[in-house]
Amino acid sequence: MQVQDNCAFCLVSMKRRALKSLQPCRHLFHADCFENVPTATSCPICRSDVTVAESVERRANIKYSAEDRKRIVEAANKGLDWVQLAESLNVKYKTAYVWVSSGTSQALRQGGTKERALSDNEVAVMVQWIDEDATMTLTKIREKIKQTFRKDVCISSVGNYLQGQLFTMKGIHKEPQSMNSQLNKEKRREYVCTLNQYIQEGKQILYIDETNFNLFCRRSRGRAKVGKRAVQVLPVAKGPNVHLIGAIYASGVVKMTTRRGSFKSEDANAWLRSVLDRWCEMGNQLTDAIIVCDNAPCHSKLHEVCAESTLLRLGPYSPMLNPIEIIWGKIKASVKSNIRTPDVIGPGVIEQRLQYLEGLIKDAAAAVNGGDCARSVQHSTSFHAAVISLDNMPVGQ
């Protein structure tokens, strides 16, 4: 019975656990297993009488130096007494014999002698391909490896190499070509510098924006049994969009309104007037208000309303600098998780569906609190240092 065998009591491997040896038969068992059978007087293996059980000390593996191996193999090749040399170096005879029989003075590399399919430089080139085109499939990468390096690597190996470089599959974000142009980066920096100047002067910053919803607003992922698709039944027509227009500041929501149909510049001006009226009702001064908006077409005439307050426009492609985008994400996540296809009957099916959708939007918007707005504003300021340094901005918020 050896260490690699299973214990006769628990039938579990004896590796890495304390052992006891029975005397005089010297069979091995787990120390805790033998203690659970204190009345055992005979060995369960050979049935011989047990006089005492001694603890077994595991012997650590002896590591010999490459220099000792080289000296012993060279001595054997020259016809010298390699056995005596091994004894003088405290190398076991069996170990020295294996070295001499192999005829090599260097040990084999651990893990086998098979070389990697791709070198580190080739893997770096493959990573560069993916950085340039994130949509490349494993099949295309395999074909490109075959053309470039003249190596035939299987698809699973390509996937393993990418996994080793921490590459995973995820949704594609589309980046406009001019998003990080030098001109747009300078405009973003100008916006951030102006905004920080207003903050230092003690101004109140109001962020306004709008988003839209429809009955096809759903989560993109779902659960189903293996081999079956996750299916969700949708209405035949998604119906008209419902707009949500909002204004927030660092301490909470100023106003949020749902609206059907198009939202033009005249509508945006009228809505901003109602926001400024609400701002005054909250006990604030219009002269202290800085209205931050993006460059959407409906915002083209907002300066006509901001006679006493100040209008500040975001730089191009700057959703990460507008904290209300984070609030939209929170509201849409709530709507997507709760929306169902409403069970309605005619007439007035579209109207009933729109009312159902508007109810979900209002409930989600009502759940937005001051803490959400404060965290969103703080998150948007985390990009300021990179904007001032004219760094490239990421896609999204």
Protein backbone atom coordinates (compact mmCIF):
# COMPACT_ATOMS: atom_id res chain seq x y z
CA MET A 1 0.00 0.00 0.00
CA GLN A 2 1.57 3.28 -1.17
CA VAL A 3 0.84 6.98 -0.77
CA GLN A 4 -0.91 7.18 -4.15
CA ASP A 5 -3.39 4.46 -3.10
CA ASN A 6 -6.75 5.10 -1.45
CA CYS A 7 -7.30 4.81 2.30
CA ALA A 8 -8.91 1.46 3.22
CA PHE A 9 -11.24 3.21 5.68
CA CYS A 10 -12.65 6.14 3.64
CA LEU A 11 -11.55 5.04 0.13
CA VAL A 12 -10.17 8.55 -0.54
CA SER A 13 -6.71 9.34 -1.89
CA MET A 14 -4.05 9.70 0.79
CA LYS A 15 -2.25 12.55 -0.95
CA ARG A 16 -1.84 15.84 0.97
CA ARG A 17 -3.33 14.49 4.22
CA ALA A 18 -1.77 13.32 7.46
CA LEU A 19 -1.00 9.59 7.46
CA LYS A 20 -0.33 6.83 9.99
CA SER A 21 1.56 3.61 9.43
CA LEU A 22 0.43 0.40 11.18
CA GLN A 23 3.11 -1.68 12.80
CA PRO A 24 4.44 -4.19 12.03
CA CYS A 25 2.73 -4.53 8.60
CA ARG A 26 3.43 -0.85 7.71
CA HIS A 27 0.18 -0.29 5.82
CA LEU A 28 -0.83 3.40 5.52
CA PHE A 29 -4.11 5.08 6.47
CA HIS A 30 -5.41 8.58 7.10
CA ALA A 31 -4.61 9.67 10.62
CA ASP A 32 -8.14 10.97 11.27
CA CYS A 33 -9.67 7.77 9.79
CA PHE A 34 -7.66 5.56 12.10
CA GLU A 35 -8.60 7.68 15.13
CA ASN A 36 -12.28 7.13 14.34
CA VAL A 37 -11.71 3.35 14.75
CA PRO A 38 -9.88 3.16 18.10
CA THR A 39 -10.87 -0.47 18.77
CA ALA A 40 -9.19 -1.82 15.64
CA THR A 41 -6.70 -4.52 16.65
CA SER A 42 -5.96 -5.93 13.21
CA CYS A 43 -5.02 -4.40 9.89
CA PRO A 44 -8.01 -4.29 7.48
CA ILE A 45 -5.63 -5.07 4.62
CA CYS A 46 -3.62 -8.07 5.80
CA ARG A 47 -5.49 -8.92 9.05
CA SER A 48 -2.23 -8.97 11.01
CA ASP A 49 -2.17 -7.82 14.63
CA VAL A 50 -1.66 -4.08 15.12
CA THR A 51 0.73 -3.16 17.90
CA VAL A 52 1.01 0.60 17.33
CA ALA A 53 0.28 3.28 14.71
CA GLU A 54 3.11 5.69 13.91
CA SER A 55 2.75 9.06 12.20
CA VAL A 56 4.29 9.26 8.75
CA GLU A 57 6.36 12.28 7.76
CA ARG A 58 6.09 13.15 4.09
CA ARG A 59 9.43 13.47 2.38
CA ALA A 60 9.86 16.62 0.33
CA ASN A 61 10.89 16.24 -3.29
CA ILE A 62 14.64 16.65 -3.73
CA LYS A 63 15.60 19.16 -6.41
CA TYR A 64 18.98 18.64 -8.01
CA SER A 65 20.84 21.38 -9.79
CA ALA A 66 21.40 21.36 -13.54
CA GLU A 67 25.16 21.51 -12.86
CA ASP A 68 25.09 18.19 -10.95
CA ARG A 69 23.25 16.51 -13.80
CA LYS A 70 25.70 17.88 -16.35
CA ARG A 71 28.74 16.66 -14.39
CA ILE A 72 27.32 13.14 -13.93
CA VAL A 73 26.32 12.73 -17.59
CA GLU A 74 29.67 14.03 -18.82
CA ALA A 75 31.50 11.64 -16.46
CA ALA A 76 29.50 8.70 -17.85
CA ASN A 77 30.21 9.77 -21.46
CA LYS A 78 33.94 9.87 -20.69
CA GLY A 79 33.85 6.40 -19.10
CA LEU A 80 34.54 7.66 -15.58
CA ASP A 81 32.98 6.32 -12.38
CA TRP A 82 29.71 8.27 -12.42
CA VAL A 83 28.26 6.17 -9.56
CA GLN A 84 30.91 7.37 -7.12
CA LEU A 85 30.47 10.93 -8.41
CA ALA A 86 26.71 10.72 -7.78
CA GLU A 87 27.33 9.51 -4.21
CA SER A 88 29.72 12.40 -3.57
CA LEU A 89 27.05 14.85 -4.82
CA ASN A 90 24.29 13.20 -2.69
CA VAL A 91 22.37 12.20 -5.82
CA LYS A 92 20.40 8.97 -5.61
CA TYR A 93 21.63 6.14 -7.79
CA LYS A 94 18.27 5.70 -9.51
CA THR A 95 18.08 9.39 -10.38
CA ALA A 96 21.66 9.42 -11.71
CA TYR A 97 20.95 6.26 -13.71
CA VAL A 98 17.95 7.93 -15.41
CA TRP A 99 20.16 10.89 -16.31
CA VAL A 100 22.89 8.71 -17.75
CA SER A 101 20.39 6.56 -19.67
CA SER A 102 18.82 9.61 -21.28
CA GLY A 103 22.21 10.83 -22.48
CA THR A 104 21.20 14.50 -22.17
CA SER A 105 22.80 16.87 -19.73
CA GLN A 106 19.74 19.17 -19.64
CA ALA A 107 16.33 18.29 -18.24
CA LEU A 108 13.25 18.47 -20.44
CA ARG A 109 11.09 21.57 -20.14
CA GLN A 110 8.17 21.08 -17.76
CA GLY A 111 4.84 20.68 -19.51
CA GLY A 112 6.27 18.67 -22.39
CA THR A 113 8.44 19.47 -25.34
CA LYS A 114 5.67 20.61 -27.67
CA GLU A 115 6.15 24.21 -28.74
CA ARG A 116 3.35 26.77 -28.68
CA ALA A 117 1.37 27.18 -31.87
CA LEU A 118 1.87 30.96 -31.83
CA SER A 119 4.75 32.95 -30.38
CA ASP A 120 4.28 36.00 -28.17
CA ASN A 121 5.02 38.32 -31.09
CA GLU A 122 2.45 36.58 -33.27
CA VAL A 123 -0.15 36.82 -30.52
CA ALA A 124 0.61 40.54 -30.21
CA VAL A 125 0.02 40.97 -33.95
CA MET A 126 -3.29 39.09 -33.66
CA VAL A 127 -4.37 41.41 -30.82
CA GLN A 128 -3.51 44.38 -33.02
CA TRP A 129 -5.82 43.00 -35.74
CA ILE A 130 -8.71 42.89 -33.27
CA ASP A 131 -7.97 46.40 -32.01
CA GLU A 132 -8.34 47.60 -35.59
CA ASP A 133 -11.48 45.54 -36.33
CA ALA A 134 -13.50 44.33 -33.33
CA THR A 135 -15.94 42.40 -35.58
CA MET A 136 -13.42 39.80 -36.78
CA THR A 137 -14.65 36.25 -36.27
CA LEU A 138 -12.45 33.37 -35.11
CA THR A 139 -12.63 31.90 -38.62
CA LYS A 140 -11.35 35.12 -40.19
CA ILE A 141 -8.56 35.38 -37.62
CA ARG A 142 -7.55 31.77 -38.34
CA GLU A 143 -7.42 32.46 -42.09
CA LYS A 144 -5.36 35.60 -41.55
CA ILE A 145 -2.91 33.69 -39.34
CA LYS A 146 -2.53 31.11 -42.08
CA GLN A 147 -1.85 33.78 -44.71
CA THR A 148 0.48 35.91 -42.56
CA PHE A 149 2.43 33.36 -40.49
CA ARG A 150 1.99 30.25 -42.67
CA LYS A 151 0.62 28.37 -39.65
CA ASP A 152 -2.52 26.23 -39.53
CA VAL A 153 -4.07 26.85 -36.10
CA CYS A 154 -7.46 25.44 -35.14
CA ILE A 155 -10.32 27.78 -34.19
CA SER A 156 -10.40 26.61 -30.56
CA SER A 157 -6.72 27.50 -30.18
CA VAL A 158 -7.37 30.98 -31.55
CA GLY A 159 -10.15 31.41 -29.00
CA ASN A 160 -7.89 30.20 -26.19
CA TYR A 161 -5.17 32.67 -27.15
CA LEU A 162 -7.70 35.53 -27.15
CA GLN A 163 -9.09 34.41 -23.81
CA GLY A 164 -5.56 34.42 -22.44
CA GLN A 165 -5.29 38.06 -23.56
CA LEU A 166 -8.60 38.86 -21.75
CA PHE A 167 -10.63 39.27 -24.96
CA THR A 168 -14.33 38.42 -24.60
CA MET A 169 -17.44 38.77 -26.76
CA LYS A 170 -19.62 41.82 -26.04
CA GLY A 171 -22.01 44.22 -27.71
CA ILE A 172 -20.65 46.51 -30.43
CA HIS A 173 -20.61 50.25 -29.74
CA LYS A 174 -20.58 52.42 -32.85
CA GLU A 175 -18.16 55.35 -32.75
CA PRO A 176 -18.60 58.19 -35.28
CA GLN A 177 -15.45 58.77 -37.27
CA SER A 178 -15.17 62.42 -36.25
CA MET A 179 -16.01 61.88 -32.60
CA ASN A 180 -12.43 62.30 -31.40
CA SER A 181 -11.20 64.70 -34.05
CA GLN A 182 -8.91 67.49 -32.87
CA LEU A 183 -11.59 70.14 -33.44
CA ASN A 184 -14.22 68.28 -31.39
CA LYS A 185 -11.75 67.59 -28.58
CA GLU A 186 -10.94 71.30 -28.38
CA LYS A 187 -14.65 72.16 -28.27
CA ARG A 188 -15.16 69.68 -25.42
CA ARG A 189 -12.28 71.25 -23.50
CA GLU A 190 -13.75 74.72 -24.04
CA TYR A 191 -17.06 73.52 -22.60
CA VAL A 192 -15.43 71.96 -19.52
CA CYS A 193 -13.31 75.05 -18.81
CA THR A 194 -16.36 77.32 -19.10
CA LEU A 195 -18.46 75.02 -16.91
CA ASN A 196 -15.81 74.90 -14.17
CA GLN A 197 -15.57 78.69 -14.26
CA TYR A 198 -19.32 79.01 -13.69
CA ILE A 199 -19.14 76.50 -10.83
CA GLN A 200 -16.38 78.51 -9.17
CA GLU A 201 -18.59 81.61 -9.45
CA GLY A 202 -21.32 79.78 -7.51
CA LYS A 203 -23.74 79.32 -10.40
CA GLN A 204 -26.42 76.60 -10.44
CA ILE A 205 -26.06 74.16 -13.35
CA LEU A 206 -29.23 72.76 -14.95
CA TYR A 207 -28.89 69.88 -17.42
CA ILE A 208 -31.70 69.36 -19.95
CA ASP A 209 -32.22 66.65 -22.55
CA GLU A 210 -34.88 64.36 -24.02
CA THR A 211 -35.22 60.68 -24.87
CA ASN A 212 -37.93 58.51 -26.40
CA PHE A 213 -39.69 55.19 -25.77
CA ASN A 214 -41.98 52.85 -27.69
CA LEU A 215 -43.69 49.50 -27.12
CA PHE A 216 -40.69 47.70 -28.64
CA CYS A 217 -38.50 48.97 -25.79
CA ARG A 218 -37.38 45.62 -24.38
CA ARG A 219 -34.42 43.93 -22.76
CA SER A 220 -32.09 42.44 -25.36
CA ARG A 221 -31.36 39.28 -23.34
CA GLY A 222 -33.55 36.65 -21.71
CA ARG A 223 -33.51 33.13 -20.25
CA ALA A 224 -34.69 29.88 -21.82
CA LYS A 225 -33.90 26.17 -21.60
CA VAL A 226 -30.90 24.80 -23.42
CA GLY A 227 -31.70 24.25 -27.09
CA LYS A 228 -34.64 26.68 -27.07
CA ARG A 229 -34.79 30.35 -27.96
CA ALA A 230 -35.85 33.06 -25.54
CA VAL A 231 -38.94 34.47 -27.27
CA GLN A 232 -41.07 37.44 -26.23
CA VAL A 233 -44.31 38.22 -28.08
CA LEU A 234 -44.58 41.85 -29.26
CA PRO A 235 -47.46 43.82 -30.77
CA VAL A 236 -47.71 43.93 -34.54
CA ALA A 237 -46.97 47.68 -34.64
CA LYS A 238 -44.87 49.53 -32.11
CA GLY A 239 -47.02 52.67 -32.35
CA PRO A 240 -45.84 56.27 -32.01
CA ASN A 241 -42.96 57.24 -29.76
CA VAL A 242 -43.36 58.78 -26.32
CA HIS A 243 -40.84 61.51 -25.51
CA LEU A 244 -39.52 62.14 -22.02
CA ILE A 245 -38.08 65.62 -21.54
CA GLY A 246 -36.23 66.34 -18.32
CA ALA A 247 -34.19 68.89 -16.41
CA ILE A 248 -32.01 68.01 -13.42
CA TYR A 249 -29.39 69.64 -11.23
CA ALA A 250 -26.98 68.34 -8.62
CA SER A 251 -29.62 68.16 -5.88
CA GLY A 252 -32.50 66.55 -7.75
CA VAL A 253 -35.03 66.75 -10.56
CA VAL A 254 -36.42 70.13 -11.64
CA LYS A 255 -39.05 68.82 -14.06
CA MET A 256 -39.83 65.80 -16.23
CA THR A 257 -42.58 65.70 -18.84
CA THR A 258 -43.86 63.04 -21.23
CA ARG A 259 -44.96 64.09 -24.69
CA ARG A 260 -46.29 62.37 -27.78
CA GLY A 261 -45.32 63.15 -31.34
CA SER A 262 -42.49 65.31 -32.60
CA PHE A 263 -40.53 67.72 -30.42
CA LYS A 264 -39.54 70.82 -32.39
CA SER A 265 -37.68 73.97 -31.47
CA GLU A 266 -40.89 75.87 -30.62
CA ASP A 267 -41.92 73.03 -28.31
CA ALA A 268 -38.49 73.01 -26.69
CA ASN A 269 -38.65 76.76 -26.06
CA ALA A 270 -42.09 76.50 -24.48
CA TRP A 271 -40.95 73.61 -22.27
CA LEU A 272 -37.82 75.48 -21.16
CA ARG A 273 -39.97 78.44 -20.12
CA SER A 274 -41.96 76.11 -17.87
CA VAL A 275 -38.70 74.77 -16.43
CA LEU A 276 -37.47 78.28 -15.62
CA ASP A 277 -40.82 79.09 -14.01
CA ARG A 278 -40.48 75.97 -11.89
CA TRP A 279 -36.91 77.00 -11.02
CA CYS A 280 -38.16 80.32 -9.71
CA GLU A 281 -40.92 78.61 -7.72
CA MET A 282 -38.20 76.57 -5.99
CA GLY A 283 -36.76 79.83 -4.66
CA ASN A 284 -33.87 80.26 -7.12
CA GLN A 285 -32.76 83.20 -9.23
CA LEU A 286 -32.69 83.04 -13.03
CA THR A 287 -29.42 84.95 -13.11
CA ASP A 288 -27.74 82.09 -11.23
CA ALA A 289 -29.00 79.41 -13.64
CA ILE A 290 -26.71 77.91 -16.30
CA ILE A 291 -28.71 75.83 -18.80
CA VAL A 292 -26.59 73.00 -20.29
CA CYS A 293 -27.93 71.38 -23.46
CA ASP A 294 -26.58 69.43 -26.43
CA ASN A 295 -26.62 70.44 -30.10
CA ALA A 296 -29.87 68.71 -31.08
CA PRO A 297 -31.94 70.53 -33.77
CA CYS A 298 -34.76 71.19 -31.30
CA HIS A 299 -32.31 73.17 -29.13
CA SER A 300 -31.31 75.58 -31.88
CA LYS A 301 -33.48 78.46 -30.57
CA LEU A 302 -33.16 78.01 -26.81
CA HIS A 303 -31.12 81.19 -26.56
CA GLU A 304 -34.35 83.11 -27.20
CA VAL A 305 -35.69 81.90 -23.85
CA CYS A 306 -32.50 82.38 -21.83
CA ALA A 307 -32.66 86.16 -21.55
CA GLU A 308 -31.82 86.32 -17.81
CA SER A 309 -30.11 82.92 -17.48
CA THR A 310 -27.09 81.61 -19.42
CA LEU A 311 -27.14 78.91 -22.10
CA LEU A 312 -24.09 76.60 -22.31
CA ARG A 313 -23.87 74.05 -25.11
CA LEU A 314 -22.03 70.74 -24.80
CA GLY A 315 -19.20 69.90 -27.16
CA PRO A 316 -19.96 67.54 -30.06
CA TYR A 317 -20.35 63.85 -29.16
CA SER A 318 -20.29 64.50 -25.41
CA PRO A 319 -22.97 62.33 -23.76
CA MET A 320 -20.45 61.36 -21.08
CA LEU A 321 -20.37 65.01 -19.94
CA ASN A 322 -24.16 65.28 -19.53
CA PRO A 323 -25.27 63.60 -16.27
CA ILE A 324 -28.90 63.38 -17.38
CA GLU A 325 -27.83 60.59 -19.76
CA ILE A 326 -27.20 58.43 -16.67
CA ILE A 327 -30.70 59.23 -15.44
CA TRP A 328 -32.13 58.16 -18.81
CA GLY A 329 -30.29 54.86 -18.48
CA LYS A 330 -31.81 54.27 -15.03
CA ILE A 331 -35.33 55.07 -16.26
CA LYS A 332 -35.01 52.91 -19.39
CA ALA A 333 -33.69 49.98 -17.35
CA SER A 334 -36.78 50.20 -15.13
CA VAL A 335 -39.15 50.41 -18.12
CA LYS A 336 -37.47 47.49 -19.92
CA SER A 337 -37.66 45.25 -16.87
CA ASN A 338 -41.37 45.97 -16.23
CA ILE A 339 -42.88 46.41 -19.69
CA ARG A 340 -45.22 43.72 -20.96
CA THR A 341 -47.45 43.54 -24.02
CA PRO A 342 -50.69 45.07 -22.70
CA ASP A 343 -53.78 42.94 -23.09
CA VAL A 344 -56.16 45.47 -24.66
CA ILE A 345 -59.09 45.23 -27.02
CA GLY A 346 -60.44 47.65 -29.62
CA PRO A 347 -61.44 50.24 -30.34
CA GLY A 348 -58.65 52.57 -29.27
CA VAL A 349 -55.93 49.91 -29.01
CA ILE A 350 -53.12 52.36 -29.80
CA GLU A 351 -54.39 54.86 -27.22
CA GLN A 352 -54.59 52.21 -24.50
CA ARG A 353 -51.07 51.01 -25.27
CA LEU A 354 -49.71 54.56 -25.18
CA GLN A 355 -51.35 55.21 -21.82
CA TYR A 356 -49.85 51.99 -20.48
CA LEU A 357 -46.37 52.99 -21.70
CA GLU A 358 -46.70 56.51 -20.30
CA GLY A 359 -47.65 55.07 -16.94
CA LEU A 360 -44.49 52.96 -16.83
CA ILE A 361 -42.35 55.96 -17.80
CA LYS A 362 -43.89 58.22 -15.14
CA ASP A 363 -43.42 55.58 -12.44
CA ALA A 364 -39.77 55.11 -13.39
CA ALA A 365 -39.17 58.88 -13.53
CA ALA A 366 -40.82 59.36 -10.12
CA ALA A 367 -38.30 56.91 -8.63
CA VAL A 368 -35.35 59.20 -9.53
CA ASN A 369 -34.13 60.95 -6.36
CA GLY A 370 -31.55 63.53 -5.41
CA GLY A 371 -28.92 60.91 -4.74
CA ASP A 372 -29.21 59.61 -8.30
CA CYS A 373 -28.73 63.11 -9.68
CA ALA A 374 -25.75 63.85 -7.41
CA ARG A 375 -24.01 60.61 -8.39
CA SER A 376 -24.68 61.28 -12.08
CA VAL A 377 -23.15 64.76 -11.85
CA GLN A 378 -20.14 63.37 -10.00
CA HIS A 379 -19.71 60.67 -12.65
CA SER A 380 -19.74 63.24 -15.48
CA THR A 381 -17.01 65.28 -13.75
CA SER A 382 -14.75 62.21 -13.74
CA PHE A 383 -14.15 62.84 -17.48
CA HIS A 384 -13.09 66.46 -17.06
CA ALA A 385 -9.38 65.77 -16.58
CA ALA A 386 -9.21 63.67 -19.75
CA VAL A 387 -11.15 66.29 -21.71
CA ILE A 388 -8.80 69.08 -20.61
CA SER A 389 -5.84 66.89 -21.65
CA LEU A 390 -7.44 66.45 -25.10
CA ASP A 391 -7.65 62.68 -24.67
CA ASN A 392 -9.96 60.51 -26.76
CA MET A 393 -13.37 60.00 -25.17
CA PRO A 394 -15.02 56.57 -24.93
CA VAL A 395 -18.30 55.75 -26.64
CA GLY A 396 -21.36 56.09 -24.44
CA GLN A 397 -21.59 57.46 -20.92
